[in-house]
Amino acid sequence: MIELTPDTKIELVARSAEAAPGDWPGGFRETPLAATELKPGAFATVKTAKRDGRLIAVEITVVSPTLARSVATPEQRSARATPGK
């Protein structure tokens, strides 16, 4: 079992349709992702470290399978998930 901690860095990575400054179209954009937004079946990589005999998630990178015009912030994703806010 891999444990999450408050220090675990979690981010969503998606390809961008527009080029960011110093980047190219189709490059990756990263945005923070809340642990509550992790879903079963998501494609992710996890960097781990062993601490006190436990396996700790240091970093989780979730990859979006679709091309995004822009990657939504955690607040924007939360607002979409809870209509009326």
C-alpha atoms as a PDB file:
ATOM      1  CA  MET A   1       0.000   0.000   0.000  1.00  0.00           C
ATOM      2  CA  ILE A   2       1.251   3.490  -0.856  1.00  0.00           C
ATOM      3  CA  GLU A   3       0.374   6.213   1.646  1.00  0.00           C
ATOM      4  CA  LEU A   4      -0.437   9.815   0.825  1.00  0.00           C
ATOM      5  CA  THR A   5       0.807  12.523   3.180  1.00  0.00           C
ATOM      6  CA  PRO A   6       0.112  16.258   3.387  1.00  0.00           C
ATOM      7  CA  ASP A   7       3.488  16.720   1.656  1.00  0.00           C
ATOM      8  CA  THR A   8       2.578  14.544  -1.350  1.00  0.00           C
ATOM      9  CA  LYS A   9       2.747  16.689  -4.503  1.00  0.00           C
ATOM     10  CA  ILE A  10      -0.191  15.870  -6.785  1.00  0.00           C
ATOM     11  CA  GLU A  11      -0.582  17.403 -10.238  1.00  0.00           C
ATOM     12  CA  LEU A  12      -2.609  17.019 -13.405  1.00  0.00           C
ATOM     13  CA  VAL A  13      -0.669  17.073 -16.676  1.00  0.00           C
ATOM     14  CA  ALA A  14      -2.411  17.738 -20.001  1.00  0.00           C
ATOM     15  CA  ARG A  15      -1.271  18.685 -23.491  1.00  0.00           C
ATOM     16  CA  SER A  16      -1.869  22.286 -24.417  1.00  0.00           C
ATOM     17  CA  ALA A  17      -3.330  23.427 -27.722  1.00  0.00           C
ATOM     18  CA  GLU A  18      -1.638  26.823 -27.361  1.00  0.00           C
ATOM     19  CA  ALA A  19       2.046  27.404 -26.839  1.00  0.00           C
ATOM     20  CA  ALA A  20       2.919  28.783 -23.429  1.00  0.00           C
ATOM     21  CA  PRO A  21       5.709  31.390 -23.384  1.00  0.00           C
ATOM     22  CA  GLY A  22       8.915  29.537 -24.218  1.00  0.00           C
ATOM     23  CA  ASP A  23       6.975  26.360 -25.042  1.00  0.00           C
ATOM     24  CA  TRP A  24       5.499  24.745 -28.133  1.00  0.00           C
ATOM     25  CA  PRO A  25       1.904  23.785 -29.074  1.00  0.00           C
ATOM     26  CA  GLY A  26       1.211  20.335 -27.708  1.00  0.00           C
ATOM     27  CA  GLY A  27       3.574  20.813 -24.784  1.00  0.00           C
ATOM     28  CA  PHE A  28       2.484  19.712 -21.338  1.00  0.00           C
ATOM     29  CA  ARG A  29       0.819  21.998 -18.802  1.00  0.00           C
ATOM     30  CA  GLU A  30       0.834  21.093 -15.129  1.00  0.00           C
ATOM     31  CA  THR A  31      -1.683  22.207 -12.505  1.00  0.00           C
ATOM     32  CA  PRO A  32      -2.106  21.188  -8.865  1.00  0.00           C
ATOM     33  CA  LEU A  33      -4.665  18.481  -8.191  1.00  0.00           C
ATOM     34  CA  ALA A  34      -6.373  17.781  -4.848  1.00  0.00           C
ATOM     35  CA  ALA A  35      -6.105  14.261  -3.446  1.00  0.00           C
ATOM     36  CA  THR A  36      -9.912  14.102  -3.462  1.00  0.00           C
ATOM     37  CA  GLU A  37      -9.799  14.403  -7.272  1.00  0.00           C
ATOM     38  CA  LEU A  38      -7.806  11.173  -7.716  1.00  0.00           C
ATOM     39  CA  LYS A  39     -10.086   8.623  -9.396  1.00  0.00           C
ATOM     40  CA  PRO A  40      -9.787   4.858  -9.904  1.00  0.00           C
ATOM     41  CA  GLY A  41      -8.596   4.054 -13.410  1.00  0.00           C
ATOM     42  CA  ALA A  42      -6.734   7.348 -13.890  1.00  0.00           C
ATOM     43  CA  PHE A  43      -3.382   7.029 -15.658  1.00  0.00           C
ATOM     44  CA  ALA A  44      -0.785   8.172 -13.132  1.00  0.00           C
ATOM     45  CA  THR A  45       2.829   7.787 -12.147  1.00  0.00           C
ATOM     46  CA  VAL A  46       3.884   7.785  -8.513  1.00  0.00           C
ATOM     47  CA  LYS A  47       7.301   8.609  -7.065  1.00  0.00           C
ATOM     48  CA  THR A  48       7.709   6.867  -3.740  1.00  0.00           C
ATOM     49  CA  ALA A  49      10.078   6.799  -0.800  1.00  0.00           C
ATOM     50  CA  LYS A  50      10.404   4.329   2.031  1.00  0.00           C
ATOM     51  CA  ARG A  51      10.034   5.941   5.467  1.00  0.00           C
ATOM     52  CA  ASP A  52       9.899   4.021   8.729  1.00  0.00           C
ATOM     53  CA  GLY A  53       9.097   0.829   6.825  1.00  0.00           C
ATOM     54  CA  ARG A  54       6.165   2.461   4.986  1.00  0.00           C
ATOM     55  CA  LEU A  55       5.909   3.320   1.280  1.00  0.00           C
ATOM     56  CA  ILE A  56       5.069   7.041   0.984  1.00  0.00           C
ATOM     57  CA  ALA A  57       3.867   8.831  -2.170  1.00  0.00           C
ATOM     58  CA  VAL A  58       6.254  11.741  -2.728  1.00  0.00           C
ATOM     59  CA  GLU A  59       4.745  12.861  -6.046  1.00  0.00           C
ATOM     60  CA  ILE A  60       1.734  11.771  -8.106  1.00  0.00           C
ATOM     61  CA  THR A  61       1.360  12.880 -11.728  1.00  0.00           C
ATOM     62  CA  VAL A  62      -2.026  12.239 -13.350  1.00  0.00           C
ATOM     63  CA  VAL A  63      -2.064  12.455 -17.152  1.00  0.00           C
ATOM     64  CA  SER A  64      -5.147  13.738 -18.965  1.00  0.00           C
ATOM     65  CA  PRO A  65      -5.817  11.748 -22.138  1.00  0.00           C
ATOM     66  CA  THR A  66      -7.351  14.717 -23.973  1.00  0.00           C
ATOM     67  CA  LEU A  67      -5.871  17.819 -25.514  1.00  0.00           C
ATOM     68  CA  ALA A  68      -6.844  20.801 -23.389  1.00  0.00           C
ATOM     69  CA  ARG A  69      -7.150  24.407 -24.495  1.00  0.00           C
ATOM     70  CA  SER A  70      -6.146  25.231 -20.955  1.00  0.00           C
ATOM     71  CA  VAL A  71      -5.916  23.111 -17.854  1.00  0.00           C
ATOM     72  CA  ALA A  72      -8.535  24.043 -15.269  1.00  0.00           C
ATOM     73  CA  THR A  73      -7.405  25.103 -11.818  1.00  0.00           C
ATOM     74  CA  PRO A  74      -8.537  23.026  -8.811  1.00  0.00           C
ATOM     75  CA  GLU A  75     -11.107  25.754  -8.032  1.00  0.00           C
ATOM     76  CA  GLN A  76     -12.546  25.592 -11.574  1.00  0.00           C
ATOM     77  CA  ARG A  77     -12.750  21.785 -11.446  1.00  0.00           C
ATOM     78  CA  SER A  78     -14.466  21.963  -8.041  1.00  0.00           C
ATOM     79  CA  ALA A  79     -16.996  24.531  -9.287  1.00  0.00           C
ATOM     80  CA  ARG A  80     -17.902  22.243 -12.221  1.00  0.00           C
ATOM     81  CA  ALA A  81     -18.334  19.289  -9.869  1.00  0.00           C
ATOM     82  CA  THR A  82     -20.667  21.228  -7.553  1.00  0.00           C
ATOM     83  CA  PRO A  83     -23.239  23.113  -9.657  1.00  0.00           C
ATOM     84  CA  GLY A  84     -24.755  26.205  -8.154  1.00  0.00           C
ATOM     85  CA  LYS A  85     -21.574  27.454  -6.570  1.00  0.00           C
END
